[in-house]
Amino acid sequence: MSTQVQTTLRGPEAFGLARKAVEEMERAGVWPTPLNFELWIHYLGDPDGALGQEMMRLLAAGDAFTEGTAEMLAAEYLPRGRLSEEIRDAGAVLNRELSTVSEAIAKAQRSQAAYGETLAGASAHLEGASEPTALLGVVSKLTKATSQVQAENATLEKRLETSTKEVARLREHLEQVRRDAMTDALTNLANRKAFDEELLRACDEAEKKRQTMSLAVIDIDHFKRFNDTWGHQTGDQVLRYVASVIGRVSKAPRVAARYGGEEFAIIFPSESASVVEAALNTMREEVGTRALRRRSTNDELGAVTISAGVAQRRPGESGSSLLDRADEALYASKRTGRNKVTNGERLEEAA
């Protein structure tokens, strides 16, 4: 959330912004769900921001603002703010834990120092003590001091154990938040941000280890026409189905992502071109051979097909260049009939 929006929401202007958000959603024919409301608050509160600009572009295009659209925007623009808030909250808890542990350690150190002084004093008394009564007094004092130190150490151990568990819980929570921030909410595949980071990492690793690496770009054929015919809710259903097939065939170390709209991307590290093409054709055939039905009415939707383009990384090649070549291969699949896989290397050889 931008500083501008944060400031507005903490003042009397927040009521006006909230009313305007509801009015604008009604004007656009968008249901005022919590997610849509949050998006509109950000959009109207900071129209020049990245989310504001993207919202204006989508609304100007006249496309229906569906649940899938909202989830995509949230995955792209909102999680970073949420993640920052989660990190700040976790930091506050960690600070409290560290403060408490520091106090417990300081107290234990003071107790140990006092115990040392007690031992030194007892040693001096023992040297000059000759009567049993005097000896008993020294022993009693040592016993009491020892018990006190043991109690302080037990308290410190318990405090450290509790803090260790709390830190482990926070680490697990933050890892889940990080995963959520890198996941496309509609398809449960990696989102665009996660894909961009993984592509950069995969290219670096392939370069260092001198390994092969392939990148595939996949697109659902005639998806806009499908949306116009059956509606965006059914379109979301199709996106989920295609994503489930892609995700099932793209288990680690492969990385599959929803790159945008009806387009997906897959990173294939250390796999031959023939293996990659076989995997893509497996996805294509599974998607194309299943007759889908509209969930709400059980109407037959017919077959859905996908087209794909794949490119093999060259030594020294950047992720953006590799992506461009995979896109070119995808466009070749589209131009030559769709429902096919095109290898960019053979395409360039033919040219």
Protein backbone atom coordinates (compact mmCIF):
# COMPACT_ATOMS: atom_id res chain seq x y z
CA MET A 1 0.00 0.00 0.00
CA SER A 2 1.43 3.35 -0.99
CA THR A 3 2.15 6.03 1.60
CA GLN A 4 -0.44 8.24 -0.09
CA VAL A 5 -3.22 5.65 0.39
CA GLN A 6 -2.11 4.89 3.96
CA THR A 7 -2.30 8.59 4.85
CA THR A 8 -5.77 8.96 3.31
CA LEU A 9 -7.15 5.90 5.11
CA ARG A 10 -5.99 7.26 8.47
CA GLY A 11 -7.86 10.54 8.14
CA PRO A 12 -11.37 11.87 7.60
CA GLU A 13 -10.88 11.60 3.81
CA ALA A 14 -11.16 7.81 4.19
CA PHE A 15 -14.98 7.96 4.30
CA GLY A 16 -15.12 9.90 1.05
CA LEU A 17 -12.68 7.51 -0.60
CA ALA A 18 -14.72 4.50 0.54
CA ARG A 19 -17.96 6.00 -0.80
CA LYS A 20 -16.28 6.85 -4.10
CA ALA A 21 -14.92 3.30 -4.39
CA VAL A 22 -18.41 1.82 -4.00
CA GLU A 23 -19.87 4.31 -6.49
CA GLU A 24 -17.17 3.58 -9.07
CA MET A 25 -17.60 -0.19 -8.66
CA GLU A 26 -21.34 0.20 -9.17
CA ARG A 27 -20.75 2.35 -12.27
CA ALA A 28 -18.40 -0.32 -13.68
CA GLY A 29 -20.85 -3.13 -12.85
CA VAL A 30 -18.43 -4.75 -10.41
CA TRP A 31 -19.61 -6.50 -7.25
CA PRO A 32 -18.29 -4.86 -4.05
CA THR A 33 -16.47 -7.94 -2.75
CA PRO A 34 -13.74 -7.37 -0.13
CA LEU A 35 -11.03 -7.96 -2.74
CA ASN A 36 -12.64 -5.65 -5.30
CA PHE A 37 -13.12 -2.99 -2.63
CA GLU A 38 -9.44 -3.19 -1.68
CA LEU A 39 -8.39 -2.91 -5.32
CA TRP A 40 -10.64 0.11 -5.93
CA ILE A 41 -9.39 1.82 -2.76
CA HIS A 42 -5.81 1.47 -4.02
CA TYR A 43 -6.79 2.51 -7.54
CA LEU A 44 -8.68 5.65 -6.51
CA GLY A 45 -6.33 6.52 -3.67
CA ASP A 46 -3.25 6.38 -5.90
CA PRO A 47 -4.36 6.55 -9.56
CA ASP A 48 -0.81 7.24 -10.77
CA GLY A 49 0.57 4.11 -9.10
CA ALA A 50 1.24 0.83 -10.93
CA LEU A 51 -2.07 -0.71 -9.85
CA GLY A 52 -3.97 2.48 -10.68
CA GLN A 53 -2.52 2.60 -14.18
CA GLU A 54 -3.30 -1.07 -14.83
CA MET A 55 -6.87 -0.66 -13.52
CA MET A 56 -7.46 2.32 -15.80
CA ARG A 57 -6.13 0.36 -18.77
CA LEU A 58 -8.43 -2.60 -18.06
CA LEU A 59 -11.50 -0.44 -17.51
CA ALA A 60 -10.81 1.57 -20.66
CA ALA A 61 -10.58 -1.65 -22.68
CA GLY A 62 -14.17 -2.46 -21.68
CA ASP A 63 -13.47 -6.06 -20.66
CA ALA A 64 -15.56 -7.58 -17.86
CA PHE A 65 -13.91 -7.24 -14.45
CA THR A 66 -14.15 -10.85 -13.26
CA GLU A 67 -13.09 -12.64 -10.12
CA GLY A 68 -10.10 -13.94 -12.07
CA THR A 69 -9.12 -10.42 -13.10
CA ALA A 70 -9.30 -9.25 -9.48
CA GLU A 71 -7.23 -12.19 -8.28
CA MET A 72 -4.59 -11.56 -10.92
CA LEU A 73 -4.31 -7.89 -9.97
CA ALA A 74 -4.13 -8.76 -6.28
CA ALA A 75 -1.44 -11.37 -6.90
CA GLU A 76 0.60 -8.90 -8.94
CA TYR A 77 0.18 -5.67 -6.95
CA LEU A 78 -1.12 -6.34 -3.43
CA PRO A 79 0.93 -9.18 -1.91
CA ARG A 80 4.09 -7.11 -1.73
CA GLY A 81 2.36 -4.65 0.60
CA ARG A 82 0.85 -7.48 2.59
CA LEU A 83 4.20 -9.21 2.81
CA SER A 84 5.82 -6.01 4.08
CA GLU A 85 3.15 -5.71 6.77
CA GLU A 86 3.66 -9.34 7.77
CA ILE A 87 7.41 -8.79 7.97
CA ARG A 88 6.93 -5.68 10.11
CA ASP A 89 4.60 -7.59 12.45
CA ALA A 90 7.05 -10.48 12.68
CA GLY A 91 9.86 -8.04 13.36
CA ALA A 92 7.90 -6.54 16.26
CA VAL A 93 7.34 -9.99 17.77
CA LEU A 94 11.00 -10.90 17.32
CA ASN A 95 12.06 -7.66 18.99
CA ARG A 96 9.85 -8.48 21.97
CA GLU A 97 11.26 -12.00 22.16
CA LEU A 98 14.86 -10.78 21.94
CA SER A 99 14.21 -8.14 24.59
CA THR A 100 12.73 -10.72 26.96
CA VAL A 101 15.57 -13.17 26.37
CA SER A 102 18.16 -10.40 26.85
CA GLU A 103 16.62 -9.51 30.20
CA ALA A 104 16.62 -13.19 31.25
CA ILE A 105 20.28 -13.55 30.23
CA ALA A 106 21.25 -10.36 32.08
CA LYS A 107 19.46 -11.57 35.19
CA ALA A 108 21.22 -14.94 34.97
CA GLN A 109 24.57 -13.18 34.55
CA ARG A 110 23.91 -11.06 37.65
CA SER A 111 22.97 -14.21 39.54
CA GLN A 112 26.15 -15.95 38.42
CA ALA A 113 28.25 -12.96 39.48
CA ALA A 114 26.57 -12.92 42.88
CA TYR A 115 27.17 -16.65 43.18
CA GLY A 116 30.85 -16.13 42.42
CA GLU A 117 31.08 -13.52 45.17
CA THR A 118 29.33 -15.90 47.55
CA LEU A 119 31.84 -18.66 46.75
CA ALA A 120 34.77 -16.28 47.28
CA GLY A 121 33.33 -15.19 50.62
CA ALA A 122 32.69 -18.79 51.63
CA SER A 123 36.28 -19.69 50.82
CA ALA A 124 37.55 -16.92 53.08
CA HIS A 125 35.21 -17.98 55.89
CA LEU A 126 36.20 -21.64 55.57
CA GLU A 127 39.88 -20.78 55.98
CA GLY A 128 39.21 -19.11 59.31
CA ALA A 129 36.39 -21.36 60.54
CA SER A 130 37.23 -23.95 63.19
CA GLU A 131 33.88 -24.45 64.93
CA PRO A 132 31.22 -26.82 63.49
CA THR A 133 28.58 -24.13 63.87
CA ALA A 134 30.53 -21.74 61.69
CA LEU A 135 31.07 -24.45 59.07
CA LEU A 136 27.35 -25.26 59.00
CA GLY A 137 26.57 -21.58 58.41
CA VAL A 138 28.92 -21.41 55.44
CA VAL A 139 27.51 -24.64 53.94
CA SER A 140 23.94 -23.41 54.42
CA LYS A 141 24.74 -20.16 52.66
CA LEU A 142 26.37 -22.03 49.76
CA THR A 143 23.39 -24.38 49.45
CA LYS A 144 20.96 -21.46 49.27
CA ALA A 145 23.07 -19.63 46.67
CA THR A 146 23.39 -22.79 44.58
CA SER A 147 19.61 -23.34 44.60
CA GLN A 148 19.04 -19.74 43.53
CA VAL A 149 21.46 -20.08 40.60
CA GLN A 150 19.82 -23.37 39.54
CA ALA A 151 16.40 -21.70 39.58
CA GLU A 152 17.69 -18.77 37.48
CA ASN A 153 19.25 -21.17 34.96
CA ALA A 154 16.02 -23.18 34.72
CA THR A 155 14.05 -19.98 34.06
CA LEU A 156 16.50 -18.95 31.37
CA GLU A 157 16.35 -22.38 29.68
CA LYS A 158 12.56 -22.28 29.66
CA ARG A 159 12.55 -18.75 28.25
CA LEU A 160 15.00 -19.76 25.52
CA GLU A 161 12.91 -22.84 24.65
CA THR A 162 9.75 -20.71 24.36
CA SER A 163 11.52 -18.13 22.21
CA THR A 164 12.96 -20.81 19.93
CA LYS A 165 9.47 -22.20 19.31
CA GLU A 166 8.08 -18.71 18.66
CA VAL A 167 10.85 -17.89 16.18
CA ALA A 168 10.24 -21.21 14.39
CA ARG A 169 6.51 -20.43 14.20
CA LEU A 170 7.21 -16.97 12.78
CA ARG A 171 9.63 -18.40 10.22
CA GLU A 172 7.00 -20.90 9.05
CA HIS A 173 4.33 -18.19 8.88
CA LEU A 174 6.53 -15.83 6.86
CA GLU A 175 7.45 -18.64 4.49
CA GLN A 176 3.75 -19.29 3.88
CA VAL A 177 3.15 -15.59 3.29
CA ARG A 178 6.06 -15.53 0.85
CA ARG A 179 4.61 -18.52 -1.02
CA ASP A 180 1.19 -16.85 -1.17
CA ALA A 181 2.75 -13.67 -2.53
CA MET A 182 4.41 -15.64 -5.33
CA THR A 183 1.34 -17.71 -6.29
CA ASP A 184 -1.38 -16.91 -8.81
CA ALA A 185 -4.62 -17.01 -6.81
CA LEU A 186 -6.79 -18.36 -9.65
CA THR A 187 -4.61 -21.24 -10.85
CA ASN A 188 -2.27 -21.93 -7.88
CA LEU A 189 0.69 -21.83 -10.25
CA ALA A 190 3.56 -19.39 -9.74
CA ASN A 191 2.65 -15.82 -10.70
CA ARG A 192 4.46 -13.45 -13.07
CA LYS A 193 6.73 -12.03 -10.36
CA ALA A 194 7.78 -15.50 -9.18
CA PHE A 195 8.39 -16.60 -12.76
CA ASP A 196 10.58 -13.58 -13.58
CA GLU A 197 12.73 -14.25 -10.51
CA GLU A 198 12.97 -17.98 -11.23
CA LEU A 199 13.88 -17.39 -14.90
CA LEU A 200 16.75 -15.12 -13.85
CA ARG A 201 17.95 -17.69 -11.31
CA ALA A 202 17.63 -20.61 -13.75
CA CYS A 203 19.60 -18.75 -16.45
CA ASP A 204 22.38 -17.95 -13.97
CA GLU A 205 22.57 -21.56 -12.82
CA ALA A 206 22.58 -22.93 -16.37
CA GLU A 207 25.39 -20.51 -17.26
CA LYS A 208 27.52 -21.42 -14.24
CA LYS A 209 27.05 -25.17 -14.61
CA ARG A 210 27.08 -25.09 -18.43
CA GLN A 211 23.81 -27.01 -18.50
CA THR A 212 20.95 -27.06 -20.96
CA MET A 213 17.76 -25.19 -20.21
CA SER A 214 14.52 -24.78 -22.15
CA LEU A 215 11.66 -22.32 -21.83
CA ALA A 216 8.14 -22.98 -23.11
CA VAL A 217 5.31 -20.51 -23.56
CA ILE A 218 1.75 -21.88 -23.77
CA ASP A 219 -1.45 -20.14 -24.83
CA ILE A 220 -5.09 -21.28 -24.81
CA ASP A 221 -6.41 -21.16 -28.37
CA HIS A 222 -9.29 -18.76 -29.15
CA PHE A 223 -9.72 -17.98 -25.46
CA LYS A 224 -11.25 -14.53 -26.04
CA ARG A 225 -13.91 -16.02 -28.30
CA PHE A 226 -14.57 -18.67 -25.67
CA ASN A 227 -14.98 -15.99 -22.99
CA ASP A 228 -17.33 -13.94 -25.17
CA THR A 229 -19.49 -17.02 -25.83
CA TRP A 230 -19.67 -18.56 -22.38
CA GLY A 231 -18.74 -15.74 -20.00
CA HIS A 232 -15.73 -14.98 -17.85
CA GLN A 233 -16.72 -17.23 -14.96
CA THR A 234 -16.65 -20.23 -17.28
CA GLY A 235 -13.41 -18.85 -18.74
CA ASP A 236 -11.92 -18.96 -15.25
CA GLN A 237 -13.03 -22.58 -15.01
CA VAL A 238 -11.13 -23.37 -18.21
CA LEU A 239 -8.03 -21.54 -16.95
CA ARG A 240 -8.06 -23.62 -13.77
CA TYR A 241 -8.40 -26.84 -15.75
CA VAL A 242 -5.55 -26.06 -18.17
CA ALA A 243 -3.39 -24.93 -15.24
CA SER A 244 -4.07 -28.20 -13.41
CA VAL A 245 -2.81 -30.19 -16.41
CA ILE A 246 0.26 -27.97 -16.78
CA GLY A 247 1.01 -28.15 -13.07
CA ARG A 248 0.69 -31.93 -12.98
CA VAL A 249 3.19 -32.40 -15.83
CA SER A 250 5.53 -29.68 -14.51
CA LYS A 251 6.64 -31.10 -11.19
CA ALA A 252 9.94 -29.87 -9.70
CA PRO A 253 12.57 -29.15 -10.86
CA ARG A 254 10.35 -27.78 -13.64
CA VAL A 255 8.68 -24.46 -12.83
CA ALA A 256 5.25 -23.59 -14.26
CA ALA A 257 3.67 -20.14 -14.01
CA ARG A 258 0.65 -18.22 -15.19
CA TYR A 259 2.43 -15.54 -17.17
CA GLY A 260 -0.63 -13.40 -17.87
CA GLY A 261 -4.23 -13.79 -19.00
CA GLU A 262 -4.51 -17.16 -20.77
CA GLU A 263 -0.73 -17.51 -21.23
CA PHE A 264 1.50 -19.84 -19.24
CA ALA A 265 5.25 -20.44 -19.12
CA ILE A 266 7.37 -23.40 -18.04
CA ILE A 267 11.08 -23.57 -17.24
CA PHE A 268 12.74 -26.92 -18.03
CA PRO A 269 16.22 -27.10 -16.44
CA SER A 270 18.73 -29.71 -17.63
CA GLU A 271 16.36 -31.53 -20.02
CA SER A 272 16.87 -32.44 -23.66
CA ALA A 273 14.75 -30.86 -26.39
CA SER A 274 13.06 -34.18 -27.16
CA VAL A 275 12.01 -34.67 -23.52
CA VAL A 276 10.68 -31.11 -23.33
CA GLU A 277 8.68 -31.47 -26.56
CA ALA A 278 7.27 -34.79 -25.36
CA ALA A 279 6.12 -33.19 -22.09
CA LEU A 280 4.47 -30.30 -23.92
CA ASN A 281 2.68 -32.66 -26.30
CA THR A 282 1.46 -34.69 -23.33
CA MET A 283 -0.12 -31.53 -21.92
CA ARG A 284 -1.54 -30.53 -25.30
CA GLU A 285 -3.09 -33.94 -25.92
CA GLU A 286 -4.60 -34.23 -22.43
CA VAL A 287 -6.17 -30.76 -22.65
CA GLY A 288 -7.51 -31.32 -26.17
CA THR A 289 -9.02 -34.76 -25.63
CA ARG A 290 -11.22 -33.86 -22.69
CA ALA A 291 -14.73 -32.55 -23.35
CA LEU A 292 -15.47 -29.82 -20.82
CA ARG A 293 -18.84 -28.93 -19.36
CA ARG A 294 -20.04 -25.65 -17.94
CA ARG A 295 -20.20 -26.13 -14.19
CA SER A 296 -23.31 -24.01 -13.58
CA THR A 297 -25.51 -25.48 -16.36
CA ASN A 298 -23.71 -28.70 -17.36
CA ASP A 299 -23.71 -27.47 -20.99
CA GLU A 300 -21.03 -28.98 -23.19
CA LEU A 301 -18.27 -26.48 -23.89
CA GLY A 302 -16.53 -28.56 -26.50
CA ALA A 303 -12.81 -29.17 -26.69
CA VAL A 304 -10.24 -26.62 -25.54
CA THR A 305 -6.84 -26.66 -27.23
CA ILE A 306 -3.49 -25.10 -26.45
CA SER A 307 -0.54 -24.02 -28.55
CA ALA A 308 3.05 -23.92 -27.35
CA GLY A 309 6.44 -22.61 -28.37
CA VAL A 310 9.75 -23.71 -26.87
CA ALA A 311 13.31 -22.40 -27.12
CA GLN A 312 16.60 -23.78 -25.79
CA ARG A 313 18.87 -21.34 -24.01
CA ARG A 314 22.15 -20.47 -25.71
CA PRO A 315 25.41 -19.81 -23.79
CA GLY A 316 25.38 -16.27 -22.44
CA GLU A 317 21.73 -15.67 -23.38
CA SER A 318 19.56 -13.56 -21.08
CA GLY A 319 16.13 -14.59 -19.84
CA SER A 320 14.38 -11.86 -21.83
CA SER A 321 16.02 -12.98 -25.08
CA LEU A 322 15.08 -16.60 -24.39
CA LEU A 323 11.52 -15.56 -23.67
CA ASP A 324 11.35 -13.62 -26.96
CA ARG A 325 12.43 -16.67 -28.92
CA ALA A 326 9.93 -18.91 -27.12
CA ASP A 327 7.22 -16.34 -27.94
CA GLU A 328 8.21 -16.39 -31.61
CA ALA A 329 7.85 -20.18 -31.60
CA LEU A 330 4.42 -19.84 -29.97
CA TYR A 331 3.29 -17.37 -32.65
CA ALA A 332 4.45 -19.86 -35.28
CA SER A 333 2.19 -22.49 -33.70
CA LYS A 334 -0.69 -20.02 -33.83
CA ARG A 335 -0.03 -19.06 -37.46
CA THR A 336 0.19 -22.64 -38.67
CA GLY A 337 -3.07 -24.00 -37.30
CA ARG A 338 -2.85 -23.96 -33.49
CA ASN A 339 -3.06 -27.01 -31.17
CA LYS A 340 0.61 -27.78 -31.77
CA VAL A 341 4.10 -27.45 -30.28
CA THR A 342 6.78 -25.55 -32.22
CA ASN A 343 10.48 -25.80 -31.41
CA GLY A 344 12.14 -22.45 -31.97
CA GLU A 345 15.45 -24.05 -32.95
CA ARG A 346 13.94 -25.90 -35.91
CA LEU A 347 12.00 -22.77 -36.80
CA GLU A 348 15.23 -20.78 -37.08
CA GLU A 349 16.95 -23.55 -39.03
CA ALA A 350 14.07 -23.58 -41.53
CA ALA A 351 14.24 -19.80 -41.86
